[in-house]
Amino acid sequence: MVNQKPIAKFRSGTIECAIWKNEKERDGMVLEYKTASLRKSWKQDDQWHDATIQLRRNDIQKVILVLQKAQESLLLDGESNE
């Protein structure tokens, strides 16, 4: 992804997802595939920071499921403590 622009970007606040077109050579053929990068930005002590993870197509549904479970746990725990 060096010096390459994403083919699509989606943003909500400080969360951004970019879609990238990739190529790799296998058995003399060039294969194209897409990946996603998920970035979270935050400001600390007047300086911006970010963390990025790279995801393949099969990772995305797993990330969604794990985050839904985390949100469910946080919301249910919050209700029981009130």
PDB file of N, CA and C in Angstrom:
ATOM      1  N   MET A   1       0.811  -1.198   0.000  1.00  0.00           N
ATOM      2  CA  MET A   1       0.000   0.000   0.000  1.00  0.00           C
ATOM      3  C   MET A   1       0.858   1.267   0.000  1.00  0.00           C
ATOM      4  N   VAL A   2       2.148   1.173  -0.219  1.00  0.00           N
ATOM      5  CA  VAL A   2       3.013   2.325  -0.237  1.00  0.00           C
ATOM      6  C   VAL A   2       2.711   3.166  -1.469  1.00  0.00           C
ATOM      7  N   ASN A   3       2.534   4.479  -1.270  1.00  0.00           N
ATOM      8  CA  ASN A   3       2.254   5.419  -2.367  1.00  0.00           C
ATOM      9  C   ASN A   3       1.023   5.031  -3.175  1.00  0.00           C
ATOM     10  N   GLN A   4       0.081   4.428  -2.545  1.00  0.00           N
ATOM     11  CA  GLN A   4      -1.133   3.996  -3.218  1.00  0.00           C
ATOM     12  C   GLN A   4      -2.316   4.663  -2.527  1.00  0.00           C
ATOM     13  N   LYS A   5      -3.313   5.049  -3.304  1.00  0.00           N
ATOM     14  CA  LYS A   5      -4.513   5.642  -2.725  1.00  0.00           C
ATOM     15  C   LYS A   5      -5.592   4.568  -2.619  1.00  0.00           C
ATOM     16  N   PRO A   6      -6.423   4.648  -1.579  1.00  0.00           N
ATOM     17  CA  PRO A   6      -7.505   3.668  -1.453  1.00  0.00           C
ATOM     18  C   PRO A   6      -8.538   3.860  -2.559  1.00  0.00           C
ATOM     19  N   ILE A   7      -9.238   2.799  -2.886  1.00  0.00           N
ATOM     20  CA  ILE A   7     -10.284   2.903  -3.909  1.00  0.00           C
ATOM     21  C   ILE A   7     -11.603   3.381  -3.311  1.00  0.00           C
ATOM     22  N   ALA A   8     -11.711   3.339  -1.972  1.00  0.00           N
ATOM     23  CA  ALA A   8     -12.900   3.857  -1.277  1.00  0.00           C
ATOM     24  C   ALA A   8     -12.516   4.148   0.174  1.00  0.00           C
ATOM     25  N   LYS A   9     -13.221   5.120   0.769  1.00  0.00           N
ATOM     26  CA  LYS A   9     -13.015   5.453   2.188  1.00  0.00           C
ATOM     27  C   LYS A   9     -14.371   5.688   2.831  1.00  0.00           C
ATOM     28  N   PHE A  10     -14.484   5.265   4.084  1.00  0.00           N
ATOM     29  CA  PHE A  10     -15.691   5.475   4.873  1.00  0.00           C
ATOM     30  C   PHE A  10     -15.256   6.004   6.225  1.00  0.00           C
ATOM     31  N   ARG A  11     -15.969   7.019   6.744  1.00  0.00           N
ATOM     32  CA  ARG A  11     -15.548   7.630   8.003  1.00  0.00           C
ATOM     33  C   ARG A  11     -16.755   7.932   8.875  1.00  0.00           C
ATOM     34  N   SER A  12     -16.566   7.699  10.165  1.00  0.00           N
ATOM     35  CA  SER A  12     -17.531   8.109  11.178  1.00  0.00           C
ATOM     36  C   SER A  12     -16.730   8.653  12.353  1.00  0.00           C
ATOM     37  N   GLY A  13     -16.727   9.960  12.508  1.00  0.00           N
ATOM     38  CA  GLY A  13     -15.942  10.574  13.574  1.00  0.00           C
ATOM     39  C   GLY A  13     -14.469  10.273  13.401  1.00  0.00           C
ATOM     40  N   THR A  14     -13.860   9.688  14.408  1.00  0.00           N
ATOM     41  CA  THR A  14     -12.423   9.393  14.361  1.00  0.00           C
ATOM     42  C   THR A  14     -12.123   7.960  13.916  1.00  0.00           C
ATOM     43  N   ILE A  15     -13.129   7.282  13.396  1.00  0.00           N
ATOM     44  CA  ILE A  15     -12.957   5.922  12.861  1.00  0.00           C
ATOM     45  C   ILE A  15     -13.037   5.991  11.340  1.00  0.00           C
ATOM     46  N   GLU A  16     -12.064   5.379  10.679  1.00  0.00           N
ATOM     47  CA  GLU A  16     -12.041   5.396   9.214  1.00  0.00           C
ATOM     48  C   GLU A  16     -11.704   4.009   8.689  1.00  0.00           C
ATOM     49  N   CYS A  17     -12.371   3.620   7.618  1.00  0.00           N
ATOM     50  CA  CYS A  17     -12.066   2.365   6.935  1.00  0.00           C
ATOM     51  C   CYS A  17     -11.760   2.694   5.474  1.00  0.00           C
ATOM     52  N   ALA A  18     -10.651   2.168   4.978  1.00  0.00           N
ATOM     53  CA  ALA A  18     -10.266   2.363   3.586  1.00  0.00           C
ATOM     54  C   ALA A  18     -10.187   1.006   2.895  1.00  0.00           C
ATOM     55  N   ILE A  19     -10.591   0.975   1.635  1.00  0.00           N
ATOM     56  CA  ILE A  19     -10.524  -0.248   0.827  1.00  0.00           C
ATOM     57  C   ILE A  19      -9.358  -0.088  -0.150  1.00  0.00           C
ATOM     58  N   TRP A  20      -8.525  -1.113  -0.207  1.00  0.00           N
ATOM     59  CA  TRP A  20      -7.318  -1.069  -1.029  1.00  0.00           C
ATOM     60  C   TRP A  20      -7.335  -2.169  -2.086  1.00  0.00           C
ATOM     61  N   LYS A  21      -6.831  -1.864  -3.257  1.00  0.00           N
ATOM     62  CA  LYS A  21      -6.644  -2.853  -4.314  1.00  0.00           C
ATOM     63  C   LYS A  21      -5.204  -3.339  -4.225  1.00  0.00           C
ATOM     64  N   ASN A  22      -5.030  -4.641  -4.190  1.00  0.00           N
ATOM     65  CA  ASN A  22      -3.705  -5.251  -4.054  1.00  0.00           C
ATOM     66  C   ASN A  22      -3.459  -6.227  -5.193  1.00  0.00           C
ATOM     67  N   GLU A  23      -2.194  -6.467  -5.442  1.00  0.00           N
ATOM     68  CA  GLU A  23      -1.795  -7.463  -6.435  1.00  0.00           C
ATOM     69  C   GLU A  23      -0.672  -8.310  -5.861  1.00  0.00           C
ATOM     70  N   LYS A  24      -0.669  -9.579  -6.240  1.00  0.00           N
ATOM     71  CA  LYS A  24       0.472 -10.429  -5.921  1.00  0.00           C
ATOM     72  C   LYS A  24       0.638 -11.440  -7.040  1.00  0.00           C
ATOM     73  N   GLU A  25       1.861 -11.879  -7.205  1.00  0.00           N
ATOM     74  CA  GLU A  25       2.152 -12.828  -8.265  1.00  0.00           C
ATOM     75  C   GLU A  25       2.197 -14.231  -7.687  1.00  0.00           C
ATOM     76  N   ARG A  26       1.510 -15.139  -8.354  1.00  0.00           N
ATOM     77  CA  ARG A  26       1.510 -16.543  -7.943  1.00  0.00           C
ATOM     78  C   ARG A  26       1.492 -17.407  -9.206  1.00  0.00           C
ATOM     79  N   ASP A  27       2.433 -18.303  -9.262  1.00  0.00           N
ATOM     80  CA  ASP A  27       2.553 -19.220 -10.405  1.00  0.00           C
ATOM     81  C   ASP A  27       2.604 -18.467 -11.736  1.00  0.00           C
ATOM     82  N   GLY A  28       3.326 -17.335 -11.750  1.00  0.00           N
ATOM     83  CA  GLY A  28       3.478 -16.564 -12.980  1.00  0.00           C
ATOM     84  C   GLY A  28       2.282 -15.709 -13.350  1.00  0.00           C
ATOM     85  N   MET A  29       1.242 -15.720 -12.527  1.00  0.00           N
ATOM     86  CA  MET A  29       0.047 -14.917 -12.807  1.00  0.00           C
ATOM     87  C   MET A  29      -0.083 -13.823 -11.748  1.00  0.00           C
ATOM     88  N   VAL A  30      -0.589 -12.674 -12.159  1.00  0.00           N
ATOM     89  CA  VAL A  30      -0.834 -11.579 -11.227  1.00  0.00           C
ATOM     90  C   VAL A  30      -2.272 -11.696 -10.731  1.00  0.00           C
ATOM     91  N   LEU A  31      -2.426 -11.842  -9.419  1.00  0.00           N
ATOM     92  CA  LEU A  31      -3.745 -11.956  -8.816  1.00  0.00           C
ATOM     93  C   LEU A  31      -4.094 -10.639  -8.136  1.00  0.00           C
ATOM     94  N   GLU A  32      -5.322 -10.183  -8.335  1.00  0.00           N
ATOM     95  CA  GLU A  32      -5.797  -8.977  -7.677  1.00  0.00           C
ATOM     96  C   GLU A  32      -6.736  -9.356  -6.539  1.00  0.00           C
ATOM     97  N   TYR A  33      -6.630  -8.632  -5.437  1.00  0.00           N
ATOM     98  CA  TYR A  33      -7.530  -8.826  -4.310  1.00  0.00           C
ATOM     99  C   TYR A  33      -7.639  -7.511  -3.554  1.00  0.00           C
ATOM    100  N   LYS A  34      -8.654  -7.400  -2.732  1.00  0.00           N
ATOM    101  CA  LYS A  34      -8.878  -6.185  -1.966  1.00  0.00           C
ATOM    102  C   LYS A  34      -8.720  -6.469  -0.480  1.00  0.00           C
ATOM    103  N   THR A  35      -8.245  -5.453   0.240  1.00  0.00           N
ATOM    104  CA  THR A  35      -8.171  -5.521   1.692  1.00  0.00           C
ATOM    105  C   THR A  35      -8.756  -4.231   2.261  1.00  0.00           C
ATOM    106  N   ALA A  36      -8.977  -4.247   3.553  1.00  0.00           N
ATOM    107  CA  ALA A  36      -9.492  -3.055   4.232  1.00  0.00           C
ATOM    108  C   ALA A  36      -8.526  -2.691   5.352  1.00  0.00           C
ATOM    109  N   SER A  37      -8.387  -1.404   5.596  1.00  0.00           N
ATOM    110  CA  SER A  37      -7.633  -0.947   6.756  1.00  0.00           C
ATOM    111  C   SER A  37      -8.590  -0.174   7.649  1.00  0.00           C
ATOM    112  N   LEU A  38      -8.526  -0.444   8.921  1.00  0.00           N
ATOM    113  CA  LEU A  38      -9.385   0.201   9.914  1.00  0.00           C
ATOM    114  C   LEU A  38      -8.492   1.063  10.787  1.00  0.00           C
ATOM    115  N   ARG A  39      -8.826   2.371  10.873  1.00  0.00           N
ATOM    116  CA  ARG A  39      -7.984   3.310  11.610  1.00  0.00           C
ATOM    117  C   ARG A  39      -8.787   4.056  12.661  1.00  0.00           C
ATOM    118  N   LYS A  40      -8.229   4.167  13.845  1.00  0.00           N
ATOM    119  CA  LYS A  40      -8.802   4.932  14.955  1.00  0.00           C
ATOM    120  C   LYS A  40      -7.823   6.044  15.273  1.00  0.00           C
ATOM    121  N   SER A  41      -8.286   7.292  15.282  1.00  0.00           N
ATOM    122  CA  SER A  41      -7.440   8.437  15.615  1.00  0.00           C
ATOM    123  C   SER A  41      -7.888   9.031  16.935  1.00  0.00           C
ATOM    124  N   TRP A  42      -6.924   9.612  17.683  1.00  0.00           N
ATOM    125  CA  TRP A  42      -7.264  10.281  18.930  1.00  0.00           C
ATOM    126  C   TRP A  42      -6.221  11.357  19.208  1.00  0.00           C
ATOM    127  N   LYS A  43      -6.638  12.338  19.987  1.00  0.00           N
ATOM    128  CA  LYS A  43      -5.755  13.437  20.340  1.00  0.00           C
ATOM    129  C   LYS A  43      -5.369  13.309  21.806  1.00  0.00           C
ATOM    130  N   GLN A  44      -4.074  13.406  22.065  1.00  0.00           N
ATOM    131  CA  GLN A  44      -3.562  13.294  23.430  1.00  0.00           C
ATOM    132  C   GLN A  44      -2.439  14.315  23.588  1.00  0.00           C
ATOM    133  N   ASP A  45      -2.572  15.161  24.597  1.00  0.00           N
ATOM    134  CA  ASP A  45      -1.569  16.201  24.846  1.00  0.00           C
ATOM    135  C   ASP A  45      -1.311  17.046  23.597  1.00  0.00           C
ATOM    136  N   ASP A  46      -2.373  17.484  22.949  1.00  0.00           N
ATOM    137  CA  ASP A  46      -2.299  18.340  21.752  1.00  0.00           C
ATOM    138  C   ASP A  46      -1.577  17.697  20.574  1.00  0.00           C
ATOM    139  N   GLN A  47      -1.482  16.378  20.556  1.00  0.00           N
ATOM    140  CA  GLN A  47      -0.863  15.678  19.439  1.00  0.00           C
ATOM    141  C   GLN A  47      -1.781  14.557  18.971  1.00  0.00           C
ATOM    142  N   TRP A  48      -1.967  14.456  17.652  1.00  0.00           N
ATOM    143  CA  TRP A  48      -2.816  13.411  17.087  1.00  0.00           C
ATOM    144  C   TRP A  48      -2.032  12.109  16.957  1.00  0.00           C
ATOM    145  N   HIS A  49      -2.708  11.007  17.268  1.00  0.00           N
ATOM    146  CA  HIS A  49      -2.158   9.658  17.146  1.00  0.00           C
ATOM    147  C   HIS A  49      -3.165   8.817  16.368  1.00  0.00           C
ATOM    148  N   ASP A  50      -2.703   7.712  15.824  1.00  0.00           N
ATOM    149  CA  ASP A  50      -3.649   6.770  15.214  1.00  0.00           C
ATOM    150  C   ASP A  50      -3.091   5.359  15.281  1.00  0.00           C
ATOM    151  N   ALA A  51      -4.002   4.421  15.199  1.00  0.00           N
ATOM    152  CA  ALA A  51      -3.662   2.996  15.154  1.00  0.00           C
ATOM    153  C   ALA A  51      -4.430   2.391  13.994  1.00  0.00           C
ATOM    154  N   THR A  52      -3.761   1.570  13.221  1.00  0.00           N
ATOM    155  CA  THR A  52      -4.365   0.979  12.027  1.00  0.00           C
ATOM    156  C   THR A  52      -4.159  -0.527  12.037  1.00  0.00           C
ATOM    157  N   ILE A  53      -5.203  -1.250  11.637  1.00  0.00           N
ATOM    158  CA  ILE A  53      -5.064  -2.691  11.414  1.00  0.00           C
ATOM    159  C   ILE A  53      -5.510  -3.005   9.994  1.00  0.00           C
ATOM    160  N   GLN A  54      -4.886  -4.005   9.402  1.00  0.00           N
ATOM    161  CA  GLN A  54      -5.215  -4.441   8.048  1.00  0.00           C
ATOM    162  C   GLN A  54      -6.113  -5.670   8.136  1.00  0.00           C
ATOM    163  N   LEU A  55      -7.162  -5.672   7.342  1.00  0.00           N
ATOM    164  CA  LEU A  55      -8.126  -6.776   7.371  1.00  0.00           C
ATOM    165  C   LEU A  55      -8.301  -7.368   5.977  1.00  0.00           C
ATOM    166  N   ARG A  56      -8.402  -8.661   5.933  1.00  0.00           N
ATOM    167  CA  ARG A  56      -8.775  -9.340   4.689  1.00  0.00           C
ATOM    168  C   ARG A  56     -10.288  -9.549   4.690  1.00  0.00           C
ATOM    169  N   ARG A  57     -10.823  -9.885   3.568  1.00  0.00           N
ATOM    170  CA  ARG A  57     -12.268 -10.028   3.407  1.00  0.00           C
ATOM    171  C   ARG A  57     -12.879 -10.951   4.462  1.00  0.00           C
ATOM    172  N   ASN A  58     -12.242 -12.065   4.760  1.00  0.00           N
ATOM    173  CA  ASN A  58     -12.793 -13.021   5.725  1.00  0.00           C
ATOM    174  C   ASN A  58     -12.694 -12.541   7.173  1.00  0.00           C
ATOM    175  N   ASP A  59     -11.880 -11.520   7.427  1.00  0.00           N
ATOM    176  CA  ASP A  59     -11.742 -10.983   8.784  1.00  0.00           C
ATOM    177  C   ASP A  59     -12.898 -10.053   9.169  1.00  0.00           C
ATOM    178  N   ILE A  60     -13.483  -9.377   8.203  1.00  0.00           N
ATOM    179  CA  ILE A  60     -14.436  -8.300   8.492  1.00  0.00           C
ATOM    180  C   ILE A  60     -15.652  -8.792   9.276  1.00  0.00           C
ATOM    181  N   GLN A  61     -16.267  -9.877   8.859  1.00  0.00           N
ATOM    182  CA  GLN A  61     -17.432 -10.382   9.579  1.00  0.00           C
ATOM    183  C   GLN A  61     -17.071 -10.803  11.000  1.00  0.00           C
ATOM    184  N   LYS A  62     -15.889 -11.333  11.180  1.00  0.00           N
ATOM    185  CA  LYS A  62     -15.436 -11.727  12.520  1.00  0.00           C
ATOM    186  C   LYS A  62     -15.253 -10.498  13.413  1.00  0.00           C
ATOM    187  N   VAL A  63     -14.693  -9.426  12.858  1.00  0.00           N
ATOM    188  CA  VAL A  63     -14.518  -8.183  13.618  1.00  0.00           C
ATOM    189  C   VAL A  63     -15.879  -7.613  14.005  1.00  0.00           C
ATOM    190  N   ILE A  64     -16.820  -7.611  13.071  1.00  0.00           N
ATOM    191  CA  ILE A  64     -18.176  -7.114  13.353  1.00  0.00           C
ATOM    192  C   ILE A  64     -18.803  -7.908  14.491  1.00  0.00           C
ATOM    193  N   LEU A  65     -18.710  -9.227  14.437  1.00  0.00           N
ATOM    194  CA  LEU A  65     -19.290 -10.080  15.473  1.00  0.00           C
ATOM    195  C   LEU A  65     -18.672  -9.805  16.837  1.00  0.00           C
ATOM    196  N   VAL A  66     -17.334  -9.723  16.884  1.00  0.00           N
ATOM    197  CA  VAL A  66     -16.647  -9.481  18.150  1.00  0.00           C
ATOM    198  C   VAL A  66     -17.025  -8.113  18.720  1.00  0.00           C
ATOM    199  N   LEU A  67     -17.105  -7.093  17.873  1.00  0.00           N
ATOM    200  CA  LEU A  67     -17.471  -5.757  18.353  1.00  0.00           C
ATOM    201  C   LEU A  67     -18.933  -5.700  18.816  1.00  0.00           C
ATOM    202  N   GLN A  68     -19.821  -6.419  18.131  1.00  0.00           N
ATOM    203  CA  GLN A  68     -21.219  -6.476  18.582  1.00  0.00           C
ATOM    204  C   GLN A  68     -21.315  -7.121  19.954  1.00  0.00           C
ATOM    205  N   LYS A  69     -20.557  -8.191  20.174  1.00  0.00           N
ATOM    206  CA  LYS A  69     -20.561  -8.854  21.477  1.00  0.00           C
ATOM    207  C   LYS A  69     -19.986  -7.925  22.553  1.00  0.00           C
ATOM    208  N   ALA A  70     -18.937  -7.193  22.215  1.00  0.00           N
ATOM    209  CA  ALA A  70     -18.357  -6.245  23.167  1.00  0.00           C
ATOM    210  C   ALA A  70     -19.364  -5.149  23.512  1.00  0.00           C
ATOM    211  N   GLN A  71     -20.052  -4.626  22.496  1.00  0.00           N
ATOM    212  CA  GLN A  71     -21.056  -3.587  22.743  1.00  0.00           C
ATOM    213  C   GLN A  71     -22.190  -4.135  23.600  1.00  0.00           C
ATOM    214  N   GLU A  72     -22.639  -5.330  23.303  1.00  0.00           N
ATOM    215  CA  GLU A  72     -23.705  -5.967  24.085  1.00  0.00           C
ATOM    216  C   GLU A  72     -23.272  -6.104  25.544  1.00  0.00           C
ATOM    217  N   SER A  73     -22.068  -6.561  25.772  1.00  0.00           N
ATOM    218  CA  SER A  73     -21.569  -6.729  27.132  1.00  0.00           C
ATOM    219  C   SER A  73     -21.479  -5.389  27.859  1.00  0.00           C
ATOM    220  N   LEU A  74     -20.959  -4.382  27.183  1.00  0.00           N
ATOM    221  CA  LEU A  74     -20.840  -3.055  27.800  1.00  0.00           C
ATOM    222  C   LEU A  74     -22.201  -2.463  28.126  1.00  0.00           C
ATOM    223  N   LEU A  75     -23.156  -2.608  27.220  1.00  0.00           N
ATOM    224  CA  LEU A  75     -24.484  -2.063  27.442  1.00  0.00           C
ATOM    225  C   LEU A  75     -25.219  -2.824  28.545  1.00  0.00           C
ATOM    226  N   LEU A  76     -25.124  -4.152  28.547  1.00  0.00           N
ATOM    227  CA  LEU A  76     -25.809  -4.941  29.571  1.00  0.00           C
ATOM    228  C   LEU A  76     -25.163  -4.728  30.935  1.00  0.00           C
ATOM    229  N   ASP A  77     -23.852  -4.661  30.994  1.00  0.00           N
ATOM    230  CA  ASP A  77     -23.169  -4.388  32.262  1.00  0.00           C
ATOM    231  C   ASP A  77     -23.536  -3.007  32.790  1.00  0.00           C
ATOM    232  N   GLY A  78     -23.660  -2.047  31.877  1.00  0.00           N
ATOM    233  CA  GLY A  78     -24.036  -0.692  32.277  1.00  0.00           C
ATOM    234  C   GLY A  78     -25.424  -0.651  32.885  1.00  0.00           C
ATOM    235  N   GLU A  79     -26.357  -1.428  32.367  1.00  0.00           N
ATOM    236  CA  GLU A  79     -27.722  -1.452  32.894  1.00  0.00           C
ATOM    237  C   GLU A  79     -27.763  -2.080  34.287  1.00  0.00           C
ATOM    238  N   SER A  80     -26.958  -3.123  34.497  1.00  0.00           N
ATOM    239  CA  SER A  80     -27.012  -3.800  35.801  1.00  0.00           C
ATOM    240  C   SER A  80     -26.365  -2.970  36.904  1.00  0.00           C
ATOM    241  N   ASN A  81     -25.495  -2.035  36.547  1.00  0.00           N
ATOM    242  CA  ASN A  81     -24.817  -1.197  37.536  1.00  0.00           C
ATOM    243  C   ASN A  81     -25.592   0.069  37.853  1.00  0.00           C
ATOM    244  N   GLU A  82     -26.661   0.343  37.148  1.00  0.00           N
ATOM    245  CA  GLU A  82     -27.413   1.585  37.370  1.00  0.00           C
ATOM    246  C   GLU A  82     -28.486   1.404  38.410  1.00  0.00           C
TER     247      GLU A  82
END
